[in-house]
Protein backbone atom coordinates (compact mmCIF):
# COMPACT_ATOMS: atom_id res chain seq x y z
CA MET A 1 -283.27 -22.04 -45.10
CA LEU A 2 -284.05 -25.76 -45.33
CA ASP A 3 -282.76 -27.80 -48.25
CA ASN A 4 -285.31 -29.75 -50.28
CA PRO A 5 -284.58 -33.23 -48.82
CA THR A 6 -284.94 -31.90 -45.27
CA ARG A 7 -288.16 -30.07 -46.12
CA GLU A 8 -289.61 -33.17 -47.78
CA HIS A 9 -288.64 -35.37 -44.85
CA LEU A 10 -290.26 -32.97 -42.40
CA ASP A 11 -293.40 -32.87 -44.52
CA THR A 12 -293.59 -36.67 -44.49
CA LEU A 13 -293.00 -36.89 -40.74
CA HIS A 14 -295.53 -34.14 -40.12
CA GLN A 15 -298.22 -35.86 -42.18
CA ALA A 16 -297.62 -39.22 -40.50
CA MET A 17 -297.42 -37.96 -36.92
CA ALA A 18 -299.93 -35.12 -36.84
CA ASP A 19 -302.68 -37.29 -35.33
CA GLY A 20 -300.65 -37.82 -32.17
CA ASP A 21 -300.82 -41.60 -31.79
CA PHE A 22 -297.24 -42.41 -32.74
CA LEU A 23 -294.84 -44.54 -30.72
CA VAL A 24 -291.16 -43.56 -30.58
CA LEU A 25 -288.33 -46.05 -30.09
CA THR A 26 -284.85 -44.68 -29.39
CA GLY A 27 -281.39 -46.22 -29.39
CA ALA A 28 -277.80 -45.26 -28.72
CA GLY A 29 -277.66 -42.80 -31.61
CA ILE A 30 -279.79 -40.29 -29.75
CA SER A 31 -277.33 -40.19 -26.83
CA THR A 32 -274.01 -40.02 -28.68
CA PRO A 33 -274.29 -36.19 -28.94
CA SER A 34 -274.47 -36.23 -25.12
CA GLY A 35 -271.08 -37.93 -24.98
CA ILE A 36 -272.14 -41.56 -24.48
CA PRO A 37 -270.46 -43.95 -26.97
CA ASP A 38 -272.56 -46.37 -29.02
CA TYR A 39 -272.01 -50.07 -29.65
CA ARG A 40 -272.21 -50.20 -33.45
CA ASP A 41 -270.90 -48.46 -36.54
CA SER A 42 -272.95 -47.24 -39.53
CA GLU A 43 -273.09 -50.80 -40.88
CA GLY A 44 -274.53 -52.16 -37.64
CA VAL A 45 -271.27 -53.93 -36.76
CA ARG A 46 -270.32 -53.96 -33.08
CA ARG A 47 -267.33 -51.79 -32.20
CA GLY A 48 -264.38 -52.99 -30.12
CA ARG A 49 -264.38 -55.97 -27.82
CA GLN A 50 -267.24 -58.28 -26.98
CA PRO A 51 -269.24 -56.95 -24.00
CA MET A 52 -269.54 -59.11 -20.92
CA MET A 53 -272.28 -61.70 -21.26
CA TYR A 54 -274.85 -62.30 -18.52
CA GLN A 55 -273.75 -65.91 -18.06
CA GLU A 56 -270.13 -64.79 -17.68
CA PHE A 57 -271.13 -62.18 -15.09
CA LEU A 58 -272.99 -64.81 -13.03
CA ALA A 59 -270.36 -67.52 -13.36
CA ALA A 60 -267.47 -66.24 -11.27
CA PRO A 61 -266.46 -63.56 -8.75
CA GLU A 62 -263.54 -62.70 -11.06
CA SER A 63 -265.94 -61.70 -13.81
CA ARG A 64 -267.92 -59.45 -11.48
CA ARG A 65 -264.67 -57.94 -10.18
CA ARG A 66 -263.60 -57.17 -13.75
CA TYR A 67 -266.98 -55.64 -14.60
CA TRP A 68 -267.21 -53.41 -11.54
CA ALA A 69 -263.60 -52.19 -11.71
CA ARG A 70 -264.17 -50.92 -15.23
CA ALA A 71 -267.66 -49.64 -14.48
CA MET A 72 -266.51 -47.65 -11.44
CA LEU A 73 -264.26 -45.59 -13.70
CA GLY A 74 -266.92 -45.28 -16.40
CA TRP A 75 -269.82 -44.16 -14.21
CA PRO A 76 -268.86 -40.47 -13.78
CA ARG A 77 -269.19 -39.82 -17.50
CA VAL A 78 -272.62 -41.45 -17.65
CA ARG A 79 -273.69 -39.64 -14.49
CA GLN A 80 -272.63 -36.27 -15.89
CA ALA A 81 -274.26 -36.72 -19.30
CA ARG A 82 -277.13 -34.36 -20.01
CA PRO A 83 -280.04 -34.51 -22.47
CA ASN A 84 -279.42 -32.98 -25.88
CA ALA A 85 -281.80 -31.25 -28.27
CA ALA A 86 -283.18 -34.56 -29.55
CA HIS A 87 -284.19 -35.75 -26.06
CA GLN A 88 -285.75 -32.37 -25.35
CA ALA A 89 -287.64 -32.38 -28.65
CA LEU A 90 -289.23 -35.75 -27.90
CA ALA A 91 -290.21 -34.59 -24.43
CA GLU A 92 -291.89 -31.55 -25.98
CA LEU A 93 -293.75 -33.69 -28.52
CA GLN A 94 -295.03 -35.85 -25.68
CA ARG A 95 -296.09 -32.81 -23.65
CA ARG A 96 -298.11 -31.62 -26.60
CA GLY A 97 -299.76 -35.00 -27.04
CA LEU A 98 -298.15 -35.70 -30.40
CA ILE A 99 -296.56 -39.00 -29.38
CA ASN A 100 -298.40 -41.41 -27.14
CA ALA A 101 -295.52 -43.53 -25.82
CA LEU A 102 -291.72 -43.62 -25.71
CA ILE A 103 -289.57 -46.76 -25.54
CA THR A 104 -285.80 -46.55 -25.19
CA GLN A 105 -283.06 -49.13 -25.51
CA ASN A 106 -280.75 -46.76 -23.65
CA VAL A 107 -279.83 -47.14 -20.00
CA ASP A 108 -278.77 -43.52 -19.35
CA THR A 109 -282.11 -41.99 -18.13
CA LEU A 110 -281.59 -38.97 -20.43
CA HIS A 111 -285.22 -39.11 -21.60
CA ASP A 112 -286.41 -38.82 -17.99
CA GLN A 113 -284.01 -35.96 -17.37
CA ALA A 114 -285.39 -34.18 -20.44
CA GLY A 115 -288.92 -34.43 -19.03
CA SER A 116 -290.39 -37.41 -20.88
CA ARG A 117 -293.01 -39.29 -18.87
CA ASP A 118 -293.59 -43.01 -18.34
CA VAL A 119 -290.58 -43.99 -20.43
CA ILE A 120 -290.43 -47.73 -21.11
CA GLU A 121 -286.81 -48.66 -20.36
CA LEU A 122 -286.48 -51.76 -22.51
CA HIS A 123 -283.01 -52.58 -21.22
CA GLY A 124 -283.17 -51.07 -17.72
CA SER A 125 -281.14 -48.27 -16.17
CA LEU A 126 -277.53 -47.87 -15.05
CA HIS A 127 -278.76 -45.52 -12.34
CA ARG A 128 -280.01 -48.51 -10.31
CA VAL A 129 -278.19 -51.55 -8.91
CA LEU A 130 -279.88 -54.89 -8.22
CA CYS A 131 -278.80 -57.45 -5.63
CA LEU A 132 -279.10 -60.91 -7.16
CA ASP A 133 -279.18 -62.47 -3.68
CA CYS A 134 -281.99 -60.57 -1.95
CA GLY A 135 -283.64 -58.79 -4.89
CA GLN A 136 -283.36 -55.28 -3.40
CA ARG A 137 -282.47 -52.30 -5.56
CA CYS A 138 -280.44 -49.26 -4.59
CA ALA A 139 -279.10 -46.11 -6.22
CA ARG A 140 -275.96 -46.45 -8.30
CA ASP A 141 -274.56 -43.28 -6.74
CA ASP A 142 -274.60 -45.00 -3.33
CA ILE A 143 -272.79 -48.06 -4.67
CA GLN A 144 -270.34 -45.84 -6.52
CA GLN A 145 -269.42 -44.03 -3.31
CA ARG A 146 -268.76 -47.35 -1.56
CA MET A 147 -266.55 -48.57 -4.40
CA VAL A 148 -264.54 -45.35 -4.49
CA GLU A 149 -263.95 -45.57 -0.73
CA GLN A 150 -262.93 -49.23 -0.89
CA ASN A 151 -260.65 -48.87 -3.93
CA PRO A 152 -258.59 -45.71 -3.40
CA TYR A 153 -255.76 -47.13 -5.54
CA LEU A 154 -257.86 -46.39 -8.65
CA ALA A 155 -258.07 -42.66 -7.88
CA GLY A 156 -256.72 -40.76 -10.84
CA VAL A 157 -256.49 -43.81 -13.14
CA ASP A 158 -257.47 -42.80 -16.67
CA ALA A 159 -259.47 -45.32 -18.73
CA VAL A 160 -260.96 -45.00 -22.21
CA GLN A 161 -264.75 -44.76 -22.14
CA ALA A 162 -266.77 -47.57 -23.74
CA PRO A 163 -270.55 -48.01 -24.24
CA ASP A 164 -272.96 -48.22 -21.29
CA GLY A 165 -270.52 -46.96 -18.69
CA ASP A 166 -267.82 -49.54 -19.42
CA THR A 167 -264.14 -48.61 -19.84
CA LEU A 168 -261.03 -50.09 -21.42
CA LEU A 169 -259.05 -50.74 -18.25
CA ASP A 170 -255.68 -52.48 -18.03
CA PRO A 171 -256.31 -55.91 -16.40
CA ALA A 172 -253.46 -55.18 -13.98
CA PHE A 173 -255.80 -52.82 -12.14
CA GLU A 174 -258.53 -55.44 -11.66
CA ALA A 175 -256.95 -58.02 -9.34
CA ARG A 176 -257.07 -55.87 -6.17
CA PHE A 177 -260.55 -54.50 -6.76
CA GLN A 178 -263.09 -54.83 -3.95
CA THR A 179 -266.49 -55.59 -5.45
CA PRO A 180 -269.52 -53.86 -3.93
CA GLN A 181 -271.64 -55.56 -1.30
CA CYS A 182 -275.39 -55.23 -0.93
CA PRO A 183 -276.32 -52.67 1.78
CA TYR A 184 -279.31 -54.85 2.69
CA CYS A 185 -277.94 -58.41 2.89
CA ASP A 186 -274.15 -57.99 2.42
CA GLY A 187 -274.37 -60.19 -0.67
CA LYS A 188 -271.62 -59.78 -3.26
CA ARG A 189 -273.68 -60.48 -6.37
CA MET A 190 -274.55 -56.90 -7.21
CA LYS A 191 -275.57 -56.22 -10.80
CA PRO A 192 -276.47 -53.00 -12.62
CA ASP A 193 -280.22 -53.03 -13.21
CA VAL A 194 -279.77 -53.44 -16.96
CA VAL A 195 -280.26 -56.25 -19.46
CA PHE A 196 -276.87 -57.75 -20.25
CA PHE A 197 -276.04 -59.35 -23.57
CA GLY A 198 -277.33 -62.90 -23.32
CA GLU A 199 -280.07 -61.91 -20.86
CA ASN A 200 -283.78 -61.61 -21.64
CA VAL A 201 -285.80 -58.44 -21.24
CA ALA A 202 -288.00 -58.73 -18.13
CA GLN A 203 -291.39 -60.13 -19.11
CA PRO A 204 -293.46 -57.23 -17.69
CA THR A 205 -291.28 -54.74 -19.59
CA ALA A 206 -291.50 -56.73 -22.83
CA ALA A 207 -295.28 -56.97 -22.45
CA ARG A 208 -295.61 -53.24 -21.84
CA ALA A 209 -293.50 -52.45 -24.91
CA MET A 210 -295.51 -54.84 -27.07
CA ALA A 211 -298.81 -53.33 -25.90
CA ALA A 212 -297.50 -49.86 -26.81
CA ALA A 213 -296.62 -51.08 -30.30
CA GLU A 214 -299.98 -52.80 -30.77
CA ASN A 215 -301.86 -49.66 -29.73
CA ALA A 216 -299.78 -47.18 -31.73
CA GLY A 217 -300.80 -45.64 -35.01
CA GLY A 218 -297.21 -45.83 -36.21
CA LEU A 219 -293.62 -46.07 -35.04
CA LEU A 220 -290.71 -43.65 -35.35
CA VAL A 221 -287.28 -45.20 -34.69
CA VAL A 222 -284.61 -42.71 -33.62
CA GLY A 223 -280.91 -43.57 -33.52
CA SER A 224 -281.10 -47.36 -33.45
CA SER A 225 -279.66 -50.05 -35.70
CA LEU A 226 -282.40 -52.36 -34.35
CA MET A 227 -279.93 -55.24 -34.17
CA ALA A 228 -281.31 -56.25 -30.77
CA TYR A 229 -284.35 -58.45 -31.33
CA SER A 230 -286.20 -56.89 -28.40
CA ALA A 231 -286.45 -53.70 -30.48
CA PHE A 232 -286.70 -55.24 -33.95
CA ARG A 233 -289.74 -57.31 -32.99
CA LEU A 234 -291.67 -54.10 -32.27
CA CYS A 235 -290.98 -52.95 -35.82
CA ARG A 236 -292.26 -56.25 -37.16
CA VAL A 237 -295.53 -55.77 -35.29
CA ILE A 238 -295.99 -52.31 -36.79
CA ALA A 239 -295.12 -53.49 -40.31
CA ASP A 240 -297.32 -56.59 -40.09
CA ARG A 241 -300.28 -54.37 -39.22
CA GLY A 242 -299.65 -52.05 -42.15
CA LYS A 243 -298.90 -49.05 -39.95
CA PRO A 244 -296.28 -46.46 -40.89
CA LEU A 245 -292.75 -47.38 -39.83
CA LEU A 246 -290.26 -44.51 -40.04
CA ALA A 247 -286.64 -44.12 -38.94
CA ILE A 248 -284.15 -41.33 -38.34
CA ASN A 249 -280.81 -43.12 -38.23
CA LEU A 250 -277.29 -42.60 -39.53
CA GLY A 251 -276.54 -45.97 -41.09
CA LYS A 252 -277.96 -49.43 -41.62
CA THR A 253 -280.82 -50.86 -39.57
CA ARG A 254 -282.10 -54.40 -39.27
CA ALA A 255 -285.51 -53.19 -40.44
CA ASP A 256 -284.39 -51.40 -43.61
CA ASP A 257 -286.59 -53.60 -45.80
CA LEU A 258 -289.65 -52.86 -43.60
CA LEU A 259 -289.32 -49.08 -43.36
CA ASN A 260 -291.71 -46.75 -45.16
CA LEU A 261 -289.21 -43.93 -44.76
CA LYS A 262 -285.62 -43.76 -43.57
CA ILE A 263 -283.93 -40.41 -42.98
CA GLU A 264 -280.15 -40.53 -42.66
CA ALA A 265 -279.72 -37.32 -40.71
CA SER A 266 -278.72 -36.09 -37.26
CA CYS A 267 -281.66 -36.59 -34.89
CA GLU A 268 -280.27 -33.76 -32.76
CA GLN A 269 -280.84 -31.40 -35.69
CA LEU A 270 -283.96 -32.90 -37.26
CA LEU A 271 -286.18 -33.52 -34.23
CA PRO A 272 -286.24 -29.87 -33.07
CA LEU A 273 -287.30 -28.92 -36.62
CA LEU A 274 -290.08 -31.52 -36.40
CA VAL A 275 -291.27 -29.96 -33.13
CA GLN A 276 -291.52 -26.59 -34.87
CA ARG A 277 -293.43 -28.13 -37.78
CA LEU A 278 -295.85 -30.12 -35.64
CA THR A 279 -296.54 -27.37 -33.12
CA THR A 280 -297.17 -24.42 -35.47
């Protein structure tokens, strides 16, 4: 039996999205039930330490060594994460033609694993690695295997998981770490194919996301504080055009004063109910 607020929220979402031209934008909150930590608390404040900036990553081999040592230990948890009911619900809505595009700020590929098509990865994917010297990309699993083989001293080391595959690793473990080399050019400037803090979203990706927002009949934000401007600007486009802007998010968002409706509920519970409502 649904309580009245839930029923009313579903009615509003159903009425707004029934025509099937909605855009969905997802953030870290949709993946936390899958075991991937998020960056911010309910007030939109960043948790823990400052993440590595792009300029810091580029500046020195020591920075890249520190990043990859921590990331090597964090990758298995990201790799093993599986889509939850919210990812699956959005994939089903897309299959039924009830949403026309899906943009994610997440770098975990869980939408793809759930069956969503043509996902716009606003911030890239941890499942790929980019060589900054030759421009080639390769699978993260391949790079992970190389790092494990070259750094056997880290076998069995336990590190606390942090967002986006990072870990809280004692600096004492970093000095001996052998950073990965490119399998194509032997370059040592390997970078996960994601947008770091301080780095701009790739222009083709930004343009594709903006076109999706401009063509959408409305936007549903799921599990995002929208503190990153690359996501917030899409909400501004929707609001400026007088289209419905809705959010399912536990806590504050940067767009609270623009939203037509904000539902503070678990997306893992609410989205499957929306599928039932929209598909019956």
